[in-house]
C-alpha atoms as a PDB file:
ATOM      1  CA  UNK A   1      -0.184  -0.210   0.220  1.00  0.00           C
ATOM      2  CA  UNK A   2       1.566   3.387  -1.089  1.00  0.00           C
ATOM      3  CA  UNK A   3       2.314   5.672   2.023  1.00  0.00           C
ATOM      4  CA  UNK A   4       0.189   8.312   1.697  1.00  0.00           C
ATOM      5  CA  UNK A   5      -2.569   6.147   1.977  1.00  0.00           C
ATOM      6  CA  UNK A   6      -1.624   4.754   5.054  1.00  0.00           C
ATOM      7  CA  UNK A   7      -0.669   7.596   6.319  1.00  0.00           C
ATOM      8  CA  UNK A   8      -4.561   8.980   4.974  1.00  0.00           C
ATOM      9  CA  UNK A   9      -5.886   5.955   6.946  1.00  0.00           C
ATOM     10  CA  UNK A  10      -4.027   6.746  10.275  1.00  0.00           C
ATOM     11  CA  UNK A  11      -5.889  10.180  10.077  1.00  0.00           C
ATOM     12  CA  UNK A  12      -8.940   8.488  10.013  1.00  0.00           C
ATOM     13  CA  UNK A  13      -8.393   5.575  12.294  1.00  0.00           C
ATOM     14  CA  UNK A  14      -6.413   7.380  15.462  1.00  0.00           C
ATOM     15  CA  UNK A  15      -8.899   9.392  16.483  1.00  0.00           C
ATOM     16  CA  UNK A  16     -11.922   6.561  16.650  1.00  0.00           C
ATOM     17  CA  UNK A  17      -8.978   4.303  18.190  1.00  0.00           C
ATOM     18  CA  UNK A  18      -8.279   7.173  21.083  1.00  0.00           C
ATOM     19  CA  UNK A  19     -11.955   7.868  22.356  1.00  0.00           C
ATOM     20  CA  UNK A  20     -13.444   6.026  25.124  1.00  0.00           C
ATOM     21  CA  UNK A  21     -17.287   6.560  26.134  1.00  0.00           C
ATOM     22  CA  UNK A  22     -18.361  10.060  26.904  1.00  0.00           C
ATOM     23  CA  UNK A  23     -19.934   8.891  29.872  1.00  0.00           C
ATOM     24  CA  UNK A  24     -20.092   5.937  32.198  1.00  0.00           C
ATOM     25  CA  UNK A  25     -23.234   3.999  32.119  1.00  0.00           C
ATOM     26  CA  UNK A  26     -22.274   0.771  33.360  1.00  0.00           C
ATOM     27  CA  UNK A  27     -24.228   1.487  36.727  1.00  0.00           C
ATOM     28  CA  UNK A  28     -27.579   1.957  34.609  1.00  0.00           C
ATOM     29  CA  UNK A  29     -26.542  -1.270  32.337  1.00  0.00           C
ATOM     30  CA  UNK A  30     -26.682  -3.346  35.490  1.00  0.00           C
ATOM     31  CA  UNK A  31     -30.100  -2.643  36.564  1.00  0.00           C
ATOM     32  CA  UNK A  32     -31.203  -2.984  33.402  1.00  0.00           C
ATOM     33  CA  UNK A  33     -29.917  -6.475  32.830  1.00  0.00           C
ATOM     34  CA  UNK A  34     -31.295  -7.532  36.453  1.00  0.00           C
ATOM     35  CA  UNK A  35     -34.444  -6.432  35.239  1.00  0.00           C
ATOM     36  CA  UNK A  36     -35.055  -3.253  37.621  1.00  0.00           C
ATOM     37  CA  UNK A  37     -36.263  -1.160  34.785  1.00  0.00           C
ATOM     38  CA  UNK A  38     -37.728   1.360  36.916  1.00  0.00           C
ATOM     39  CA  UNK A  39     -34.334   2.035  38.798  1.00  0.00           C
ATOM     40  CA  UNK A  40     -32.806   1.881  35.372  1.00  0.00           C
ATOM     41  CA  UNK A  41     -34.756   4.725  33.430  1.00  0.00           C
ATOM     42  CA  UNK A  42     -33.872   6.802  36.265  1.00  0.00           C
ATOM     43  CA  UNK A  43     -30.425   5.981  35.959  1.00  0.00           C
ATOM     44  CA  UNK A  44     -30.460   6.143  32.329  1.00  0.00           C
ATOM     45  CA  UNK A  45     -31.973   9.566  32.538  1.00  0.00           C
ATOM     46  CA  UNK A  46     -28.984  10.761  34.673  1.00  0.00           C
ATOM     47  CA  UNK A  47     -26.862   9.368  32.441  1.00  0.00           C
ATOM     48  CA  UNK A  48     -28.191  10.929  29.196  1.00  0.00           C
ATOM     49  CA  UNK A  49     -28.221  14.831  31.172  1.00  0.00           C
ATOM     50  CA  UNK A  50     -24.544  13.671  31.864  1.00  0.00           C
ATOM     51  CA  UNK A  51     -24.088  13.057  28.286  1.00  0.00           C
ATOM     52  CA  UNK A  52     -25.904  16.202  27.100  1.00  0.00           C
ATOM     53  CA  UNK A  53     -23.606  18.334  29.604  1.00  0.00           C
ATOM     54  CA  UNK A  54     -20.584  16.633  28.575  1.00  0.00           C
ATOM     55  CA  UNK A  55     -17.884  17.565  25.685  1.00  0.00           C
ATOM     56  CA  UNK A  56     -18.183  15.155  22.656  1.00  0.00           C
ATOM     57  CA  UNK A  57     -16.528  15.022  19.413  1.00  0.00           C
ATOM     58  CA  UNK A  58     -19.018  15.150  16.719  1.00  0.00           C
ATOM     59  CA  UNK A  59     -17.272  13.902  14.046  1.00  0.00           C
ATOM     60  CA  UNK A  60     -17.145  10.507  15.570  1.00  0.00           C
ATOM     61  CA  UNK A  61     -19.785   8.293  15.159  1.00  0.00           C
ATOM     62  CA  UNK A  62     -19.157   6.273  18.250  1.00  0.00           C
ATOM     63  CA  UNK A  63     -20.646   9.407  20.038  1.00  0.00           C
ATOM     64  CA  UNK A  64     -24.029   8.953  18.401  1.00  0.00           C
ATOM     65  CA  UNK A  65     -24.432   5.360  18.867  1.00  0.00           C
ATOM     66  CA  UNK A  66     -23.524   6.059  22.847  1.00  0.00           C
ATOM     67  CA  UNK A  67     -26.501   7.905  22.784  1.00  0.00           C
ATOM     68  CA  UNK A  68     -28.471   5.680  20.345  1.00  0.00           C
ATOM     69  CA  UNK A  69     -27.813   3.054  23.174  1.00  0.00           C
ATOM     70  CA  UNK A  70     -29.047   5.059  25.851  1.00  0.00           C
ATOM     71  CA  UNK A  71     -32.050   5.945  23.968  1.00  0.00           C
ATOM     72  CA  UNK A  72     -33.101   2.311  23.119  1.00  0.00           C
ATOM     73  CA  UNK A  73     -32.707   1.464  26.875  1.00  0.00           C
ATOM     74  CA  UNK A  74     -35.071   4.030  28.019  1.00  0.00           C
ATOM     75  CA  UNK A  75     -37.656   2.998  25.302  1.00  0.00           C
ATOM     76  CA  UNK A  76     -37.202  -0.450  26.772  1.00  0.00           C
ATOM     77  CA  UNK A  77     -37.741   0.489  30.262  1.00  0.00           C
ATOM     78  CA  UNK A  78     -40.792   2.516  29.387  1.00  0.00           C
ATOM     79  CA  UNK A  79     -41.873  -0.087  27.482  1.00  0.00           C
ATOM     80  CA  UNK A  80     -42.051  -2.704  31.115  1.00  0.00           C
ATOM     81  CA  UNK A  81     -44.080   0.397  32.534  1.00  0.00           C
ATOM     82  CA  UNK A  82     -46.356   0.717  29.566  1.00  0.00           C
ATOM     83  CA  UNK A  83     -45.523   4.603  29.273  1.00  0.00           C
ATOM     84  CA  UNK A  84     -46.404   4.483  25.927  1.00  0.00           C
ATOM     85  CA  UNK A  85     -46.144   8.538  24.900  1.00  0.00           C
ATOM     86  CA  UNK A  86     -42.536   8.410  26.910  1.00  0.00           C
ATOM     87  CA  UNK A  87     -42.169   5.231  25.107  1.00  0.00           C
ATOM     88  CA  UNK A  88     -42.709   7.206  21.504  1.00  0.00           C
ATOM     89  CA  UNK A  89     -40.106  10.229  22.560  1.00  0.00           C
ATOM     90  CA  UNK A  90     -37.328   7.669  22.959  1.00  0.00           C
ATOM     91  CA  UNK A  91     -37.639   6.189  19.920  1.00  0.00           C
ATOM     92  CA  UNK A  92     -37.891   9.539  18.356  1.00  0.00           C
ATOM     93  CA  UNK A  93     -34.716  10.144  19.838  1.00  0.00           C
ATOM     94  CA  UNK A  94     -33.461   6.813  18.649  1.00  0.00           C
ATOM     95  CA  UNK A  95     -34.256   7.145  14.991  1.00  0.00           C
ATOM     96  CA  UNK A  96     -32.871  10.980  14.999  1.00  0.00           C
ATOM     97  CA  UNK A  97     -29.442   9.732  16.501  1.00  0.00           C
ATOM     98  CA  UNK A  98     -29.013   6.754  13.977  1.00  0.00           C
ATOM     99  CA  UNK A  99     -30.035   9.111  10.824  1.00  0.00           C
ATOM    100  CA  UNK A 100     -28.170  11.974  12.118  1.00  0.00           C
ATOM    101  CA  UNK A 101     -25.054   8.806  12.502  1.00  0.00           C
ATOM    102  CA  UNK A 102     -25.912   7.866   9.041  1.00  0.00           C
ATOM    103  CA  UNK A 103     -25.607  10.893   7.237  1.00  0.00           C
ATOM    104  CA  UNK A 104     -21.929  11.638   8.915  1.00  0.00           C
ATOM    105  CA  UNK A 105     -20.525   8.198   7.963  1.00  0.00           C
ATOM    106  CA  UNK A 106     -21.640   8.717   4.322  1.00  0.00           C
ATOM    107  CA  UNK A 107     -20.352  12.251   4.181  1.00  0.00           C
ATOM    108  CA  UNK A 108     -16.967  11.058   5.764  1.00  0.00           C
ATOM    109  CA  UNK A 109     -17.090   8.200   3.108  1.00  0.00           C
ATOM    110  CA  UNK A 110     -17.808  10.875  -0.007  1.00  0.00           C
ATOM    111  CA  UNK A 111     -15.143  13.291   1.911  1.00  0.00           C
ATOM    112  CA  UNK A 112     -12.301  10.408   1.694  1.00  0.00           C
ATOM    113  CA  UNK A 113     -13.152   9.115  -1.503  1.00  0.00           C
ATOM    114  CA  UNK A 114     -13.351  13.068  -2.957  1.00  0.00           C
ATOM    115  CA  UNK A 115      -9.856  13.374  -1.385  1.00  0.00           C
ATOM    116  CA  UNK A 116      -8.243  10.365  -3.517  1.00  0.00           C
ATOM    117  CA  UNK A 117      -8.241   7.248  -1.450  1.00  0.00           C
ATOM    118  CA  UNK A 118      -8.478   4.398  -2.953  1.00  0.00           C
ATOM    119  CA  UNK A 119     -12.095   2.163  -2.500  1.00  0.00           C
ATOM    120  CA  UNK A 120      -9.965  -0.817  -0.769  1.00  0.00           C
ATOM    121  CA  UNK A 121      -8.463   1.646   1.712  1.00  0.00           C
ATOM    122  CA  UNK A 122     -11.370   3.419   2.710  1.00  0.00           C
ATOM    123  CA  UNK A 123     -13.417  -0.035   3.056  1.00  0.00           C
ATOM    124  CA  UNK A 124     -13.738   0.172   6.675  1.00  0.00           C
ATOM    125  CA  UNK A 125     -16.060   3.530   5.987  1.00  0.00           C
ATOM    126  CA  UNK A 126     -18.051   2.105   3.486  1.00  0.00           C
ATOM    127  CA  UNK A 127     -18.206  -0.630   6.288  1.00  0.00           C
ATOM    128  CA  UNK A 128     -19.691   1.890   8.745  1.00  0.00           C
ATOM    129  CA  UNK A 129     -21.933   3.827   6.225  1.00  0.00           C
ATOM    130  CA  UNK A 130     -23.768  -0.286   5.106  1.00  0.00           C
ATOM    131  CA  UNK A 131     -23.933  -0.502   9.356  1.00  0.00           C
ATOM    132  CA  UNK A 132     -25.533   2.646  10.563  1.00  0.00           C
ATOM    133  CA  UNK A 133     -28.168   2.146   7.725  1.00  0.00           C
ATOM    134  CA  UNK A 134     -29.279  -1.156   8.754  1.00  0.00           C
ATOM    135  CA  UNK A 135     -29.206   0.171  12.551  1.00  0.00           C
ATOM    136  CA  UNK A 136     -31.516   2.954  11.199  1.00  0.00           C
ATOM    137  CA  UNK A 137     -33.854   0.808   9.610  1.00  0.00           C
ATOM    138  CA  UNK A 138     -34.007  -1.118  13.047  1.00  0.00           C
ATOM    139  CA  UNK A 139     -34.865   1.850  14.375  1.00  0.00           C
ATOM    140  CA  UNK A 140     -37.805   2.440  12.175  1.00  0.00           C
ATOM    141  CA  UNK A 141     -39.479  -0.915  12.538  1.00  0.00           C
ATOM    142  CA  UNK A 142     -39.613  -0.290  16.335  1.00  0.00           C
ATOM    143  CA  UNK A 143     -40.473   2.875  16.166  1.00  0.00           C
ATOM    144  CA  UNK A 144     -43.358   1.792  13.888  1.00  0.00           C
ATOM    145  CA  UNK A 145     -44.192  -0.907  16.966  1.00  0.00           C
ATOM    146  CA  UNK A 146     -44.180   2.118  19.819  1.00  0.00           C
ATOM    147  CA  UNK A 147     -46.249   3.994  17.063  1.00  0.00           C
ATOM    148  CA  UNK A 148     -49.086   1.133  17.360  1.00  0.00           C
ATOM    149  CA  UNK A 149     -48.490   1.275  21.108  1.00  0.00           C
ATOM    150  CA  UNK A 150     -49.483   4.599  21.492  1.00  0.00           C
ATOM    151  CA  UNK A 151     -52.318   4.369  18.783  1.00  0.00           C
ATOM    152  CA  UNK A 152     -53.690   1.632  20.821  1.00  0.00           C
ATOM    153  CA  UNK A 153     -52.763   2.262  24.398  1.00  0.00           C
ATOM    154  CA  UNK A 154     -51.963  -1.169  24.317  1.00  0.00           C
ATOM    155  CA  UNK A 155     -55.226  -2.510  24.422  1.00  0.00           C
ATOM    156  CA  UNK A 156     -57.479  -4.717  22.318  1.00  0.00           C
ATOM    157  CA  UNK A 157     -56.333  -7.382  19.922  1.00  0.00           C
ATOM    158  CA  UNK A 158     -54.135  -4.759  18.124  1.00  0.00           C
ATOM    159  CA  UNK A 159     -52.430  -3.445  21.447  1.00  0.00           C
ATOM    160  CA  UNK A 160     -51.807  -6.882  22.672  1.00  0.00           C
ATOM    161  CA  UNK A 161     -50.112  -8.233  19.158  1.00  0.00           C
ATOM    162  CA  UNK A 162     -47.959  -5.105  19.526  1.00  0.00           C
ATOM    163  CA  UNK A 163     -47.093  -5.694  22.896  1.00  0.00           C
ATOM    164  CA  UNK A 164     -46.020  -9.402  21.467  1.00  0.00           C
ATOM    165  CA  UNK A 165     -44.053  -7.391  18.475  1.00  0.00           C
ATOM    166  CA  UNK A 166     -42.047  -5.599  20.712  1.00  0.00           C
ATOM    167  CA  UNK A 167     -41.078  -8.342  23.130  1.00  0.00           C
ATOM    168  CA  UNK A 168     -39.828 -10.445  19.942  1.00  0.00           C
ATOM    169  CA  UNK A 169     -37.961  -7.871  18.346  1.00  0.00           C
ATOM    170  CA  UNK A 170     -36.213  -6.735  21.728  1.00  0.00           C
ATOM    171  CA  UNK A 171     -34.976 -10.656  22.181  1.00  0.00           C
ATOM    172  CA  UNK A 172     -33.870 -10.472  18.862  1.00  0.00           C
ATOM    173  CA  UNK A 173     -31.935  -7.562  19.183  1.00  0.00           C
ATOM    174  CA  UNK A 174     -30.240  -8.923  22.184  1.00  0.00           C
ATOM    175  CA  UNK A 175     -28.137 -11.102  19.815  1.00  0.00           C
ATOM    176  CA  UNK A 176     -28.031  -8.551  16.784  1.00  0.00           C
ATOM    177  CA  UNK A 177     -26.792  -5.080  18.647  1.00  0.00           C
ATOM    178  CA  UNK A 178     -23.986  -5.420  20.845  1.00  0.00           C
ATOM    179  CA  UNK A 179     -23.272  -3.138  23.516  1.00  0.00           C
ATOM    180  CA  UNK A 180     -20.043  -3.711  25.349  1.00  0.00           C
ATOM    181  CA  UNK A 181     -18.052  -1.261  24.478  1.00  0.00           C
ATOM    182  CA  UNK A 182     -20.447   1.270  25.393  1.00  0.00           C
ATOM    183  CA  UNK A 183     -22.060   2.192  22.099  1.00  0.00           C
ATOM    184  CA  UNK A 184     -24.178   0.166  19.494  1.00  0.00           C
ATOM    185  CA  UNK A 185     -22.723  -2.089  17.395  1.00  0.00           C
ATOM    186  CA  UNK A 186     -24.604  -4.420  14.828  1.00  0.00           C
ATOM    187  CA  UNK A 187     -23.786  -7.800  14.782  1.00  0.00           C
ATOM    188  CA  UNK A 188     -24.497  -8.214  11.031  1.00  0.00           C
ATOM    189  CA  UNK A 189     -23.352 -11.920  10.443  1.00  0.00           C
ATOM    190  CA  UNK A 190     -26.246 -12.324  13.591  1.00  0.00           C
ATOM    191  CA  UNK A 191     -28.244 -10.135  11.665  1.00  0.00           C
ATOM    192  CA  UNK A 192     -28.572 -11.424   8.521  1.00  0.00           C
ATOM    193  CA  UNK A 193     -29.278 -14.890  10.057  1.00  0.00           C
ATOM    194  CA  UNK A 194     -32.244 -13.322  11.581  1.00  0.00           C
ATOM    195  CA  UNK A 195     -33.294 -11.230   9.006  1.00  0.00           C
ATOM    196  CA  UNK A 196     -36.651 -12.989   8.524  1.00  0.00           C
ATOM    197  CA  UNK A 197     -37.726 -12.210  11.990  1.00  0.00           C
ATOM    198  CA  UNK A 198     -37.226  -8.697  11.391  1.00  0.00           C
ATOM    199  CA  UNK A 199     -39.224  -9.451   8.384  1.00  0.00           C
ATOM    200  CA  UNK A 200     -41.689 -10.933   9.910  1.00  0.00           C
ATOM    201  CA  UNK A 201     -42.396  -8.682  12.857  1.00  0.00           C
ATOM    202  CA  UNK A 202     -42.782  -5.548   9.603  1.00  0.00           C
ATOM    203  CA  UNK A 203     -45.269  -8.056   7.681  1.00  0.00           C
ATOM    204  CA  UNK A 204     -47.050  -8.900  11.323  1.00  0.00           C
ATOM    205  CA  UNK A 205     -47.198  -5.014  11.779  1.00  0.00           C
ATOM    206  CA  UNK A 206     -48.772  -4.504   8.398  1.00  0.00           C
ATOM    207  CA  UNK A 207     -51.673  -6.481   9.486  1.00  0.00           C
ATOM    208  CA  UNK A 208     -52.160  -4.639  12.837  1.00  0.00           C
ATOM    209  CA  UNK A 209     -52.495  -0.711  11.481  1.00  0.00           C
ATOM    210  CA  UNK A 210     -51.741   1.453   8.311  1.00  0.00           C
ATOM    211  CA  UNK A 211     -48.085   1.896   9.396  1.00  0.00           C
ATOM    212  CA  UNK A 212     -47.537   5.288   6.718  1.00  0.00           C
ATOM    213  CA  UNK A 213     -50.781   6.750   8.284  1.00  0.00           C
ATOM    214  CA  UNK A 214     -49.246   6.604  11.896  1.00  0.00           C
ATOM    215  CA  UNK A 215     -45.970   7.979  10.829  1.00  0.00           C
ATOM    216  CA  UNK A 216     -47.930  10.928   9.788  1.00  0.00           C
ATOM    217  CA  UNK A 217     -50.244  11.078  12.728  1.00  0.00           C
ATOM    218  CA  UNK A 218     -47.320  11.170  14.998  1.00  0.00           C
ATOM    219  CA  UNK A 219     -44.639  12.795  13.603  1.00  0.00           C
ATOM    220  CA  UNK A 220     -40.960  12.873  14.832  1.00  0.00           C
ATOM    221  CA  UNK A 221     -40.985  15.669  18.017  1.00  0.00           C
ATOM    222  CA  UNK A 222     -38.296  17.234  15.954  1.00  0.00           C
ATOM    223  CA  UNK A 223     -34.604  18.158  17.153  1.00  0.00           C
ATOM    224  CA  UNK A 224     -34.412  15.788  20.384  1.00  0.00           C
ATOM    225  CA  UNK A 225     -31.481  14.267  19.552  1.00  0.00           C
ATOM    226  CA  UNK A 226     -30.444  16.150  16.294  1.00  0.00           C
ATOM    227  CA  UNK A 227     -26.523  16.198  16.928  1.00  0.00           C
ATOM    228  CA  UNK A 228     -24.869  13.815  19.725  1.00  0.00           C
ATOM    229  CA  UNK A 229     -22.886  17.404  20.338  1.00  0.00           C
ATOM    230  CA  UNK A 230     -26.101  19.124  21.293  1.00  0.00           C
ATOM    231  CA  UNK A 231     -28.094  18.964  24.687  1.00  0.00           C
ATOM    232  CA  UNK A 232     -31.545  18.640  23.153  1.00  0.00           C
ATOM    233  CA  UNK A 233     -32.355  15.344  24.438  1.00  0.00           C
ATOM    234  CA  UNK A 234     -35.385  13.769  26.077  1.00  0.00           C
ATOM    235  CA  UNK A 235     -34.703  14.198  30.156  1.00  0.00           C
ATOM    236  CA  UNK A 236     -36.703  11.017  30.988  1.00  0.00           C
ATOM    237  CA  UNK A 237     -38.803  12.848  33.123  1.00  0.00           C
ATOM    238  CA  UNK A 238     -42.114  10.770  34.247  1.00  0.00           C
END
């Protein structure tokens, strides 16, 4: 590999290898895994507040993945408490963060290619862009379930079916999304193994509600998580 290409790769990779998570969510994660979702929700709300106040590298995709992880956990906690309004709020945040991160990575990839870096040398950014797009699609699917729950109040045949679909998705995501490093990472191989499960969830949802109308009826609240470098996040209050 040409020396210039190697140096260019180092410029891209060193910041990614150096940064740890913005805040420590280990206690909140322990509470979540123990099944104490009320306490976990309170602690993840604190973590999000700390995240919003901390300085962050807005050019590091992991900052966005970290915030997405917190919103995803908060959404799950709200689901266990049947707080559909807050569930929708955090799923809005999750989707917004994944979309912003996807735009960032795609912009970085475009810039790298425009600067003359060979495609083979920028393969890690290609993979990152693909992962970001897949995460955003998963966030859209999870939000669709949340909208059915909000619209039905979790009641009736539709509400009960949506509760079941949320549980199925959460159980499947356990092995698909990893958070061991403190931010979301997608296990692509496992996702491809389980893709039929997600397709089945989507097909079932389409029998429960007109998803396009629900997305129109319940738009994104807007700017809750437009950028991981800003402080406009849901506060997790009851």
